[in-house]
Amino acid sequence: MPNRTATSDSQPFDFNLDTVQAEADLTPFRVHAGGRRFSFAHLQSLDVWDLVEIAEGGDTGATLGVLRAALGDDFAEFRKNPLPQYKLKQLFEAYQKHCGLLPGESDASAS
C-alpha cells in the first residue's frame, strides 16, 4: 500500500480554493484582425502556472506569451497576421484596459 501524506477529504481545511469566484466580469476581449474575429480569454482567467513561465521571456516575450495563452488554439491563426511592435503595444494596452488593469500595472501591484 502506497504512503499517503495528504489528509482525507473528510478532514477540516482552512481555505476552500474550489469555491473561490472571480470578482471581475471575465468577458473575453474580442479583436478584429486579418478579416476575422479573435477572442482573448480575460487576463484574470489565465492559468498562473503558465504565466510564471511566460514572464521569463522579457517584456516582448512576456506580452506575446500572455496573448498566446489568452488565444489558446487560435494563436496559430492570429500569428499569420503581421504584427508590428506599434500594433502589439496598442493591442496589449487595450487588452489590459479591458481586463481592468492600467498599462504597466500587474495583479501583484500594491496600488
Protein backbone atom coordinates (compact mmCIF):
# COMPACT_ATOMS: atom_id res chain seq x y z
CA MET A 1 0.00 0.00 0.00
CA PRO A 2 1.50 3.42 -1.00
CA ASN A 3 2.25 6.02 1.67
CA ARG A 4 -0.28 8.85 1.72
CA THR A 5 0.74 12.19 3.15
CA ALA A 6 -2.39 14.13 2.24
CA THR A 7 -5.30 14.18 4.65
CA SER A 8 -8.59 12.69 3.55
CA ASP A 9 -11.37 14.91 2.21
CA SER A 10 -13.28 14.45 5.48
CA GLN A 11 -10.65 16.47 7.38
CA PRO A 12 -11.23 20.18 8.11
CA PHE A 13 -9.41 22.76 6.00
CA ASP A 14 -8.57 26.45 6.37
CA PHE A 15 -9.41 27.66 2.86
CA ASN A 16 -11.56 26.15 0.12
CA LEU A 17 -9.99 27.21 -3.18
CA ASP A 18 -12.69 25.27 -5.06
CA THR A 19 -15.33 27.81 -4.00
CA VAL A 20 -13.44 30.98 -4.99
CA GLN A 21 -15.22 33.02 -7.65
CA ALA A 22 -13.80 35.83 -9.78
CA GLU A 23 -14.64 39.32 -8.59
CA ALA A 24 -14.36 40.72 -12.13
CA ASP A 25 -16.53 40.04 -15.16
CA LEU A 26 -14.37 37.65 -17.19
CA THR A 27 -15.83 38.56 -20.57
CA PRO A 28 -13.36 37.74 -23.37
CA PHE A 29 -11.59 40.56 -25.22
CA ARG A 30 -12.62 40.43 -28.88
CA VAL A 31 -10.30 41.70 -31.61
CA HIS A 32 -10.76 42.05 -35.35
CA ALA A 33 -7.58 41.23 -37.31
CA GLY A 34 -6.91 39.89 -40.77
CA GLY A 35 -10.61 39.93 -41.64
CA ARG A 36 -11.75 37.77 -38.71
CA ARG A 37 -12.61 37.91 -35.03
CA PHE A 38 -10.35 36.60 -32.30
CA SER A 39 -11.39 36.17 -28.67
CA PHE A 40 -8.74 36.56 -26.00
CA ALA A 41 -9.56 34.98 -22.65
CA HIS A 42 -9.73 37.52 -19.82
CA LEU A 43 -6.33 38.02 -18.17
CA GLN A 44 -7.78 37.08 -14.77
CA SER A 45 -8.86 33.68 -16.12
CA LEU A 46 -5.42 32.62 -17.40
CA ASP A 47 -3.57 29.87 -15.56
CA VAL A 48 -0.95 31.47 -13.32
CA TRP A 49 1.41 28.50 -13.74
CA ASP A 50 1.65 29.24 -17.46
CA LEU A 51 2.11 32.97 -16.82
CA VAL A 52 5.07 32.42 -14.49
CA GLU A 53 6.95 30.63 -17.27
CA ILE A 54 5.93 33.31 -19.77
CA ALA A 55 7.27 36.14 -17.58
CA GLU A 56 10.82 34.85 -18.01
CA GLY A 57 10.84 35.85 -21.70
CA GLY A 58 11.47 39.59 -21.27
CA ASP A 59 8.87 42.27 -21.97
CA THR A 60 8.02 41.44 -25.58
CA GLY A 61 8.26 37.70 -24.97
CA ALA A 62 6.03 38.02 -21.91
CA THR A 63 3.49 40.12 -23.80
CA LEU A 64 3.34 37.64 -26.67
CA GLY A 65 3.19 34.75 -24.20
CA VAL A 66 0.18 36.27 -22.45
CA LEU A 67 -1.55 36.78 -25.79
CA ARG A 68 -0.70 33.20 -26.80
CA ALA A 69 -2.19 31.90 -23.54
CA ALA A 70 -5.26 34.13 -23.94
CA LEU A 71 -5.90 32.98 -27.52
CA GLY A 72 -5.28 29.31 -26.91
CA ASP A 73 -5.81 27.25 -30.06
CA ASP A 74 -6.45 30.38 -32.17
CA PHE A 75 -2.94 31.72 -31.65
CA ALA A 76 -1.58 29.98 -34.77
CA GLU A 77 -4.23 31.69 -36.93
CA PHE A 78 -3.66 35.05 -35.23
CA ARG A 79 0.09 34.64 -35.77
CA LYS A 80 -0.46 34.62 -39.54
CA ASN A 81 -1.26 38.36 -39.37
CA PRO A 82 1.65 40.80 -39.45
CA LEU A 83 2.04 42.44 -36.03
CA PRO A 84 4.39 45.43 -35.94
CA GLN A 85 5.51 46.47 -32.46
CA TYR A 86 3.37 49.62 -32.50
CA LYS A 87 0.27 47.45 -33.04
CA LEU A 88 1.36 44.96 -30.37
CA LYS A 89 1.70 47.84 -27.89
CA GLN A 90 -1.76 49.21 -28.71
CA LEU A 91 -3.32 45.73 -28.63
CA PHE A 92 -1.82 44.84 -25.26
CA GLU A 93 -2.77 48.19 -23.72
CA ALA A 94 -6.37 47.75 -24.92
CA TYR A 95 -6.37 44.17 -23.57
CA GLN A 96 -5.09 45.34 -20.18
CA LYS A 97 -7.71 48.08 -20.07
CA HIS A 98 -10.44 45.56 -20.91
CA CYS A 99 -9.19 43.36 -18.06
CA GLY A 100 -9.27 46.25 -15.59
CA LEU A 101 -5.53 46.89 -15.47
CA LEU A 102 -3.77 50.06 -16.37
CA PRO A 103 -0.81 49.58 -18.70
CA GLY A 104 2.26 48.77 -16.61
CA GLU A 105 0.17 47.61 -13.64
CA SER A 106 0.05 43.97 -12.63
CA ASP A 107 -2.22 41.96 -10.33
CA ALA A 108 0.56 41.87 -7.77
CA SER A 109 0.95 45.64 -7.52
CA ALA A 110 0.10 47.29 -4.23
CA SER A 111 -1.96 50.10 -5.78
